[in-house]
Amino acid sequence: MPVVRDLRVLLQLGDFRRLLAVRLLSQAADGVYQVALAAYVVFSPEKQTSPAAIASAMAVLLLPYSLLGPFAGVLLDRWSRRQVLLHGNLLRAALATVTALLIVGGVPDRLFYASALSVTAVNRFVLAGLSASLPRVVDSPERLVMANALAPTAGTLAATAGGGLAFAVRLAPPEGTADDASVVLLGAVLYLCAALCSLRMPIGLLGPDASAPRVRLRTALAVSARGLVDGLRHLNERRVAARALAAMALLRFCYGALTVMLLMLCRYAWSGGGPGGLVLLGYAVVASGAGFFAAAAITPWAVGRVGRLGWLVSCAAAAAVLEPALGLPFEPVPMLLAAFVLGLATQSAKIVTDTVVQASVDDAFRGRVFALYDVLFNVAFVGAAAVASLMLPPDGRSPALVIGVALIYAAIASAMAGFRRS
């Protein structure tokens, strides 16, 4: 297989192996930590979970990416990136330990969320540092292309594996706050391992170059802010990319709203608040993940048959039809099928949108436009959670939400079909 051959070539590079090990441990810890937070917020027997609590948890997990992401590069170009990986993972290990103590101590939710927010905020710098360091550990532009394709994918698989491990630990007896805390501590241990693994690399290996010219931090941040405004103006001149981004944001909104509904169904409607709800959620995560992988396999073929925008229209139209058909019964098996279908449709649309933006936007503006894309992607998901929290009843059964989301899917398909014809 080409992927296996490429990975074998890259693993011959010692520095790449060491950086990849830090990524795998760090992102596996992310998967553990995120599942631990979700389990504590949604499935703790002693907590009465509400859609508003789920929306708050999603905001904690996602908003730091959006708010800090565009500016993380400014600091990464001033600090030793090896030290960012070391101290960032050490800090997350300490903060995750604090989070575990807060869970056991039964403190007010605001303190718990403050601790969790700190962990995910540091995560933005670590992930950006891993990406910025890749060119320093490969020896040719061709291998850099392979590294950029394989390393993030490997990290995503590690996060998925970490989440699966967290589900397994969380479901093992005994259950309760002590079990939630033990899962968070598992994440802390993995963060610590990632920090120790970064010590295998010399401080100066990952950059930045000490001889590079430096500007004042305030000036650099101001330049970054102006760059985002320039990227927005440039995007306004690229109609295809702008329409694709708008469609992707709405698709992400729909996916976020249905995610909150699924969490409430697993917690109350299908399990009566018992541990079976967490098992069902695990099945839903697997089904959605299978849809993501199917999208990676199908999208290149589909785009070759109907074009980029044609495939985006097809995904939205299929979701508009299948989402209410599978969702309105509010039964586990149809909903798991819906999780697969919507995972396939949403990830297919994201692949198409990534490609459209890369092809339509000038190279000089591409980084800034993708920074805006990252903000839009996460804010749409958090906004959907907030809207769903206002619409959902305690057990999660909301025909109005299902039909409303179906209408949004249909509107996306109609609008993009009309734009494609024009």
Protein backbone atom coordinates (compact mmCIF):
# COMPACT_ATOMS: atom_id res chain seq x y z
CA MET A 1 0.00 0.00 0.00
CA PRO A 2 1.33 3.50 -0.86
CA VAL A 3 0.49 4.85 2.60
CA VAL A 4 2.44 2.10 4.34
CA ARG A 5 5.39 2.58 1.96
CA ASP A 6 5.44 6.36 2.57
CA LEU A 7 5.27 5.90 6.33
CA ARG A 8 8.14 3.38 6.21
CA VAL A 9 10.28 5.94 4.35
CA LEU A 10 9.53 8.68 6.88
CA LEU A 11 10.17 6.45 9.88
CA GLN A 12 13.75 6.02 8.72
CA LEU A 13 14.28 9.64 9.83
CA GLY A 14 15.10 9.59 13.54
CA ASP A 15 13.99 13.15 14.28
CA PHE A 16 10.68 12.55 12.49
CA ARG A 17 10.12 9.40 14.58
CA ARG A 18 10.68 11.33 17.79
CA LEU A 19 8.38 14.19 16.78
CA LEU A 20 5.72 11.70 15.65
CA ALA A 21 5.93 9.94 19.03
CA VAL A 22 5.23 13.25 20.78
CA ARG A 23 2.25 13.83 18.48
CA LEU A 24 0.78 10.37 19.01
CA LEU A 25 1.06 10.52 22.79
CA SER A 26 -0.22 14.10 22.94
CA GLN A 27 -3.24 13.50 20.72
CA ALA A 28 -4.04 10.17 22.40
CA ALA A 29 -4.16 12.14 25.65
CA ASP A 30 -6.47 14.66 23.96
CA GLY A 31 -8.85 11.85 23.01
CA VAL A 32 -8.84 10.49 26.56
CA TYR A 33 -9.38 13.92 28.08
CA GLN A 34 -12.22 14.93 25.78
CA VAL A 35 -14.12 11.68 26.35
CA ALA A 36 -13.54 12.05 30.10
CA LEU A 37 -15.04 15.54 30.06
CA ALA A 38 -18.01 14.42 27.96
CA ALA A 39 -18.64 11.44 30.24
CA TYR A 40 -18.47 13.60 33.37
CA VAL A 41 -20.72 16.34 31.99
CA VAL A 42 -23.28 14.08 30.31
CA PHE A 43 -23.23 10.67 32.01
CA SER A 44 -22.30 11.17 35.65
CA PRO A 45 -25.13 9.56 37.69
CA GLU A 46 -25.04 12.32 40.29
CA LYS A 47 -25.43 15.11 37.69
CA GLN A 48 -28.68 16.13 36.02
CA THR A 49 -27.38 16.85 32.55
CA SER A 50 -29.06 19.51 30.46
CA PRO A 51 -28.53 20.65 26.85
CA ALA A 52 -27.16 23.90 28.25
CA ALA A 53 -24.47 21.98 30.17
CA ILE A 54 -23.51 20.13 26.98
CA ALA A 55 -23.31 23.42 25.07
CA SER A 56 -21.05 24.83 27.79
CA ALA A 57 -18.77 21.80 27.57
CA MET A 58 -18.50 22.13 23.80
CA ALA A 59 -17.64 25.79 24.15
CA VAL A 60 -14.86 24.87 26.59
CA LEU A 61 -13.47 22.24 24.21
CA LEU A 62 -13.67 24.18 20.95
CA LEU A 63 -13.59 27.94 21.47
CA PRO A 64 -9.91 28.11 22.51
CA TYR A 65 -9.04 26.71 19.09
CA SER A 66 -10.99 29.48 17.43
CA LEU A 67 -9.86 32.39 19.58
CA LEU A 68 -6.18 31.48 19.95
CA GLY A 69 -5.52 29.68 16.67
CA PRO A 70 -4.90 32.69 14.42
CA PHE A 71 -2.39 34.15 16.89
CA ALA A 72 -0.59 31.02 18.06
CA GLY A 73 1.88 31.22 15.18
CA VAL A 74 3.11 34.63 16.31
CA LEU A 75 4.30 33.20 19.63
CA LEU A 76 5.58 29.96 18.10
CA ASP A 77 7.89 32.06 15.92
CA ARG A 78 9.36 33.62 19.09
CA TRP A 79 9.59 30.65 21.49
CA SER A 80 11.63 27.45 21.20
CA ARG A 81 9.20 24.96 19.73
CA ARG A 82 10.82 22.03 21.53
CA GLN A 83 10.25 23.90 24.78
CA VAL A 84 6.64 24.59 23.78
CA LEU A 85 6.09 20.84 23.37
CA LEU A 86 7.84 20.09 26.66
CA HIS A 87 6.30 22.78 28.86
CA GLY A 88 2.92 22.65 27.11
CA ASN A 89 2.51 18.94 27.81
CA LEU A 90 3.84 19.30 31.36
CA LEU A 91 1.36 22.10 31.98
CA ARG A 92 -1.51 20.05 30.57
CA ALA A 93 -0.52 17.08 32.75
CA ALA A 94 -0.64 19.32 35.82
CA LEU A 95 -3.93 20.95 34.81
CA ALA A 96 -5.52 17.59 34.02
CA THR A 97 -4.52 16.38 37.47
CA VAL A 98 -6.18 19.47 38.94
CA THR A 99 -9.30 18.68 36.90
CA ALA A 100 -9.38 15.16 38.36
CA LEU A 101 -9.13 16.57 41.89
CA LEU A 102 -11.96 18.99 41.14
CA ILE A 103 -14.15 16.11 39.93
CA VAL A 104 -13.52 14.12 43.10
CA GLY A 105 -14.04 17.19 45.28
CA GLY A 106 -17.42 17.99 43.74
CA VAL A 107 -16.56 21.67 43.28
CA PRO A 108 -18.86 24.16 41.52
CA ASP A 109 -19.04 23.68 37.76
CA ARG A 110 -17.40 27.04 37.04
CA LEU A 111 -14.12 25.86 38.58
CA PHE A 112 -14.27 22.59 36.66
CA TYR A 113 -14.85 24.41 33.38
CA ALA A 114 -12.04 26.89 34.12
CA SER A 115 -9.61 24.02 34.58
CA ALA A 116 -10.80 22.22 31.45
CA LEU A 117 -10.63 25.45 29.45
CA SER A 118 -7.00 25.92 30.48
CA VAL A 119 -6.07 22.44 29.23
CA THR A 120 -7.70 22.93 25.84
CA ALA A 121 -6.24 26.44 25.45
CA VAL A 122 -2.70 25.09 25.88
CA ASN A 123 -3.58 22.39 23.36
CA ARG A 124 -3.77 25.00 20.59
CA PHE A 125 -0.10 25.87 21.04
CA VAL A 126 1.02 22.24 21.20
CA LEU A 127 -0.79 21.23 17.99
CA ALA A 128 0.42 24.32 16.13
CA GLY A 129 3.94 23.65 17.41
CA LEU A 130 3.83 20.09 16.09
CA SER A 131 2.78 21.31 12.64
CA ALA A 132 5.33 24.14 12.57
CA SER A 133 8.12 21.72 13.53
CA LEU A 134 7.57 19.21 10.71
CA PRO A 135 9.81 20.97 8.13
CA ARG A 136 12.72 20.72 10.60
CA VAL A 137 12.62 16.92 10.81
CA VAL A 138 12.37 15.92 7.12
CA ASP A 139 15.10 16.31 4.56
CA SER A 140 13.31 17.12 1.29
CA PRO A 141 10.19 18.90 -0.03
CA GLU A 142 8.80 15.59 -1.31
CA ARG A 143 9.05 14.01 2.12
CA LEU A 144 7.52 17.11 3.67
CA VAL A 145 4.41 16.58 1.53
CA MET A 146 4.21 12.99 2.77
CA ALA A 147 4.77 14.10 6.36
CA ASN A 148 2.00 16.71 6.15
CA ALA A 149 -0.37 14.06 4.82
CA LEU A 150 0.50 11.27 7.23
CA ALA A 151 1.37 12.90 10.56
CA PRO A 152 -2.01 14.64 11.17
CA THR A 153 -3.84 11.49 10.07
CA ALA A 154 -1.79 9.42 12.51
CA GLY A 155 -2.58 11.97 15.21
CA THR A 156 -6.32 11.72 14.51
CA LEU A 157 -6.14 7.93 14.76
CA ALA A 158 -4.26 8.27 18.05
CA ALA A 159 -6.97 10.61 19.39
CA THR A 160 -9.63 8.10 18.33
CA ALA A 161 -7.73 5.29 20.05
CA GLY A 162 -7.38 7.43 23.16
CA GLY A 163 -11.10 8.06 23.15
CA GLY A 164 -11.78 4.34 22.84
CA LEU A 165 -9.44 3.64 25.75
CA ALA A 166 -11.27 6.24 27.82
CA PHE A 167 -14.63 4.61 27.02
CA ALA A 168 -13.25 1.25 28.14
CA VAL A 169 -11.88 2.63 31.41
CA ARG A 170 -15.05 4.64 32.06
CA LEU A 171 -17.29 1.60 31.60
CA ALA A 172 -15.25 -0.60 33.93
CA PRO A 173 -16.65 -0.91 37.49
CA PRO A 174 -16.96 0.92 39.79
CA GLU A 175 -18.73 3.88 38.26
CA GLY A 176 -19.11 7.44 39.52
CA THR A 177 -16.96 10.49 40.07
CA ALA A 178 -13.92 8.40 41.06
CA ASP A 179 -14.16 6.61 37.72
CA ASP A 180 -14.40 9.94 35.87
CA ALA A 181 -11.36 11.20 37.75
CA SER A 182 -9.37 8.06 36.91
CA VAL A 183 -9.97 8.62 33.18
CA VAL A 184 -8.79 12.24 33.47
CA LEU A 185 -5.68 11.04 35.33
CA LEU A 186 -5.01 8.59 32.49
CA GLY A 187 -4.96 11.60 30.15
CA ALA A 188 -2.57 13.38 32.54
CA VAL A 189 -0.19 10.40 32.43
CA LEU A 190 -0.19 10.43 28.61
CA TYR A 191 0.50 14.18 28.59
CA LEU A 192 3.44 13.56 30.91
CA CYS A 193 4.75 10.81 28.60
CA ALA A 194 4.53 13.21 25.64
CA ALA A 195 6.53 15.81 27.59
CA LEU A 196 9.23 13.28 28.49
CA CYS A 197 9.37 12.08 24.89
CA SER A 198 10.07 15.64 23.68
CA LEU A 199 13.27 15.64 25.79
CA ARG A 200 14.78 13.23 23.27
CA MET A 201 15.11 16.15 20.82
CA PRO A 202 17.70 18.94 21.16
CA ILE A 203 16.31 22.35 22.14
CA GLY A 204 17.28 24.02 18.86
CA LEU A 205 16.18 21.22 16.54
CA LEU A 206 12.62 22.41 15.90
CA GLY A 207 13.37 26.14 15.56
CA PRO A 208 12.73 28.95 15.18
CA ASP A 209 16.07 30.18 13.89
CA ALA A 210 17.76 32.45 16.39
CA SER A 211 19.10 34.60 13.55
CA ALA A 212 15.65 35.36 12.13
CA PRO A 213 14.61 39.03 12.46
CA ARG A 214 12.20 39.69 15.32
CA VAL A 215 9.51 42.33 15.62
CA ARG A 216 7.84 43.50 18.79
CA LEU A 217 5.11 41.17 20.04
CA ARG A 218 2.45 43.89 19.94
CA THR A 219 3.35 44.65 16.33
CA ALA A 220 3.28 40.97 15.38
CA LEU A 221 -0.17 40.48 16.93
CA ALA A 222 -1.48 43.58 15.17
CA VAL A 223 -0.11 42.31 11.85
CA SER A 224 -1.86 38.97 12.44
CA ALA A 225 -5.18 40.72 13.11
CA ARG A 226 -4.83 42.83 9.96
CA GLY A 227 -3.94 39.68 8.04
CA LEU A 228 -7.24 38.07 9.02
CA VAL A 229 -9.13 41.13 7.78
CA ASP A 230 -7.17 40.99 4.50
CA GLY A 231 -8.00 37.29 4.20
CA LEU A 232 -11.69 38.06 4.64
CA ARG A 233 -11.56 40.70 1.92
CA HIS A 234 -9.76 38.34 -0.42
CA LEU A 235 -12.33 35.62 0.28
CA ASN A 236 -15.10 38.06 -0.61
CA GLU A 237 -13.56 38.25 -4.09
CA ARG A 238 -13.53 34.46 -4.52
CA ARG A 239 -17.20 33.55 -4.83
CA VAL A 240 -16.74 29.79 -5.17
CA ALA A 241 -14.59 29.54 -2.04
CA ALA A 242 -16.89 31.87 -0.08
CA ARG A 243 -20.00 29.85 -1.00
CA ALA A 244 -18.31 26.58 -0.15
CA LEU A 245 -17.21 27.93 3.24
CA ALA A 246 -20.74 29.18 3.97
CA ALA A 247 -22.21 25.78 3.05
CA MET A 248 -19.62 23.99 5.21
CA ALA A 249 -20.41 26.23 8.19
CA LEU A 250 -24.12 25.42 7.90
CA LEU A 251 -23.40 21.70 7.53
CA ARG A 252 -21.22 21.87 10.63
CA PHE A 253 -24.05 23.72 12.42
CA CYS A 254 -26.46 20.91 11.59
CA TYR A 255 -23.98 18.28 12.73
CA GLY A 256 -23.44 20.10 16.03
CA ALA A 257 -27.15 20.43 16.78
CA LEU A 258 -27.76 16.75 16.11
CA THR A 259 -24.76 15.82 18.26
CA VAL A 260 -26.33 17.52 21.28
CA MET A 261 -29.64 15.79 20.58
CA LEU A 262 -27.87 12.41 20.35
CA LEU A 263 -26.12 12.98 23.67
CA MET A 264 -29.43 13.70 25.39
CA LEU A 265 -31.09 10.66 23.79
CA CYS A 266 -28.25 8.42 24.97
CA ARG A 267 -28.37 9.90 28.46
CA TYR A 268 -32.13 9.77 29.09
CA ALA A 269 -34.41 8.46 26.34
CA TRP A 270 -32.56 5.22 25.60
CA SER A 271 -30.97 4.33 28.93
CA GLY A 272 -33.02 6.01 31.64
CA GLY A 273 -29.85 7.64 32.97
CA GLY A 274 -28.05 4.30 33.34
CA PRO A 275 -24.61 3.24 32.07
CA GLY A 276 -26.07 1.84 28.85
CA GLY A 277 -26.23 5.36 27.46
CA LEU A 278 -22.44 5.62 27.38
CA VAL A 279 -22.23 2.35 25.45
CA LEU A 280 -24.71 3.67 22.89
CA LEU A 281 -22.70 6.87 22.59
CA GLY A 282 -19.60 4.79 21.92
CA TYR A 283 -21.45 2.99 19.10
CA ALA A 284 -22.53 6.35 17.67
CA VAL A 285 -18.95 7.64 17.73
CA VAL A 286 -17.81 4.50 15.89
CA ALA A 287 -20.61 4.88 13.32
CA SER A 288 -19.79 8.53 12.72
CA GLY A 289 -16.07 7.73 12.48
CA ALA A 290 -16.84 5.03 9.92
CA GLY A 291 -18.69 7.68 7.92
CA PHE A 292 -15.61 9.92 8.08
CA PHE A 293 -13.36 7.17 6.73
CA ALA A 294 -15.90 6.25 4.05
CA ALA A 295 -15.89 9.90 2.96
CA ALA A 296 -12.11 9.79 2.48
CA ALA A 297 -12.49 6.71 0.28
CA ILE A 298 -15.54 7.80 -1.74
CA THR A 299 -15.03 11.54 -2.26
CA PRO A 300 -12.20 11.41 -4.86
CA TRP A 301 -14.26 9.05 -7.01
CA ALA A 302 -17.47 11.06 -6.55
CA VAL A 303 -15.80 14.37 -7.36
CA GLY A 304 -14.46 12.81 -10.55
CA ARG A 305 -18.01 11.87 -11.54
CA VAL A 306 -20.07 14.93 -10.56
CA GLY A 307 -17.52 17.63 -9.73
CA ARG A 308 -16.69 19.30 -6.44
CA LEU A 309 -19.81 21.39 -6.06
CA GLY A 310 -21.94 18.59 -7.46
CA TRP A 311 -20.74 16.23 -4.73
CA LEU A 312 -21.36 18.89 -2.07
CA VAL A 313 -24.92 19.30 -3.37
CA SER A 314 -25.41 15.52 -3.35
CA CYS A 315 -24.23 15.24 0.25
CA ALA A 316 -26.54 18.01 1.46
CA ALA A 317 -29.49 16.61 -0.50
CA ALA A 318 -28.95 13.08 0.84
CA ALA A 319 -28.76 14.43 4.39
CA ALA A 320 -31.98 16.42 3.86
CA VAL A 321 -33.83 13.21 2.94
CA LEU A 322 -32.22 10.64 5.23
CA GLU A 323 -31.82 12.72 8.38
CA PRO A 324 -35.58 13.04 9.13
CA ALA A 325 -36.31 9.53 7.86
CA LEU A 326 -33.80 8.01 10.28
CA GLY A 327 -34.05 10.58 13.06
CA LEU A 328 -37.78 11.05 13.65
CA PRO A 329 -38.38 7.55 15.07
CA PHE A 330 -35.88 8.48 17.85
CA GLU A 331 -34.76 4.85 18.07
CA PRO A 332 -31.14 3.71 18.56
CA VAL A 333 -30.60 1.65 15.39
CA PRO A 334 -31.94 4.25 12.89
CA MET A 335 -30.05 6.95 14.76
CA LEU A 336 -26.79 4.99 14.49
CA LEU A 337 -27.39 4.73 10.74
CA ALA A 338 -28.00 8.48 10.71
CA ALA A 339 -24.67 9.01 12.52
CA PHE A 340 -22.91 7.12 9.72
CA VAL A 341 -24.74 9.00 6.96
CA LEU A 342 -24.16 12.42 8.50
CA GLY A 343 -20.52 11.61 9.24
CA LEU A 344 -20.10 10.66 5.58
CA ALA A 345 -21.92 13.76 4.31
CA THR A 346 -20.21 16.24 6.64
CA GLN A 347 -16.69 14.92 6.11
CA SER A 348 -17.21 14.67 2.34
CA ALA A 349 -18.29 18.31 2.31
CA LYS A 350 -15.23 19.27 4.35
CA ILE A 351 -12.89 17.51 1.93
CA VAL A 352 -14.56 19.31 -0.96
CA THR A 353 -14.41 22.65 0.84
CA ASP A 354 -10.71 22.20 1.66
CA THR A 355 -10.00 21.48 -1.99
CA VAL A 356 -12.10 24.39 -3.28
CA VAL A 357 -10.39 26.84 -0.93
CA GLN A 358 -6.93 25.54 -1.85
CA ALA A 359 -7.72 25.83 -5.57
CA SER A 360 -9.57 29.16 -5.52
CA VAL A 361 -7.58 31.26 -3.06
CA ASP A 362 -4.26 32.88 -3.96
CA ASP A 363 -1.29 31.28 -2.26
CA ALA A 364 -0.36 34.55 -0.55
CA PHE A 365 -3.73 34.56 1.26
CA ARG A 366 -4.22 30.83 1.78
CA GLY A 367 -2.93 30.66 5.35
CA ARG A 368 -5.11 33.55 6.49
CA VAL A 369 -8.20 32.13 4.81
CA PHE A 370 -7.65 28.74 6.44
CA ALA A 371 -7.28 30.49 9.80
CA LEU A 372 -10.72 32.06 9.20
CA TYR A 373 -11.99 28.66 8.11
CA ASP A 374 -10.84 27.15 11.41
CA VAL A 375 -12.64 29.86 13.38
CA LEU A 376 -15.84 29.45 11.35
CA PHE A 377 -15.75 25.65 11.63
CA ASN A 378 -15.60 25.62 15.43
CA VAL A 379 -17.87 28.60 16.09
CA ALA A 380 -20.60 27.00 13.93
CA PHE A 381 -20.45 23.84 16.05
CA VAL A 382 -20.59 25.73 19.35
CA GLY A 383 -23.38 27.96 18.04
CA ALA A 384 -25.37 24.89 17.06
CA ALA A 385 -25.01 23.50 20.56
CA ALA A 386 -26.30 26.77 21.99
CA VAL A 387 -29.35 26.77 19.68
CA ALA A 388 -30.07 23.10 20.40
CA SER A 389 -29.94 23.79 24.14
CA LEU A 390 -32.88 26.18 23.69
CA MET A 391 -34.96 23.72 21.63
CA LEU A 392 -34.38 20.31 23.17
CA PRO A 393 -36.64 18.83 25.87
CA PRO A 394 -34.99 16.95 28.76
CA ASP A 395 -35.11 13.56 27.00
CA GLY A 396 -33.74 14.90 23.69
CA ARG A 397 -36.77 14.01 21.52
CA SER A 398 -37.39 17.12 19.43
CA PRO A 399 -39.17 16.68 16.07
CA ALA A 400 -38.86 20.45 15.55
CA LEU A 401 -35.06 20.24 15.71
CA VAL A 402 -34.90 17.26 13.34
CA ILE A 403 -37.20 18.94 10.79
CA GLY A 404 -35.44 22.29 11.15
CA VAL A 405 -32.06 20.69 10.46
CA ALA A 406 -33.51 18.85 7.44
CA LEU A 407 -34.75 22.17 6.05
CA ILE A 408 -31.27 23.67 6.46
CA TYR A 409 -29.77 20.72 4.59
CA ALA A 410 -32.33 21.20 1.81
CA ALA A 411 -31.60 24.94 1.64
CA ILE A 412 -27.87 24.24 1.33
CA ALA A 413 -28.47 21.77 -1.51
CA SER A 414 -30.80 24.17 -3.32
CA ALA A 415 -28.55 27.22 -2.94
CA MET A 416 -25.37 25.39 -4.03
CA ALA A 417 -27.18 23.77 -6.97
CA GLY A 418 -28.33 27.19 -8.13
CA PHE A 419 -24.84 28.64 -7.70
CA ARG A 420 -23.35 25.72 -9.60
CA ARG A 421 -25.71 26.28 -12.54
CA SER A 422 -24.90 29.98 -12.62
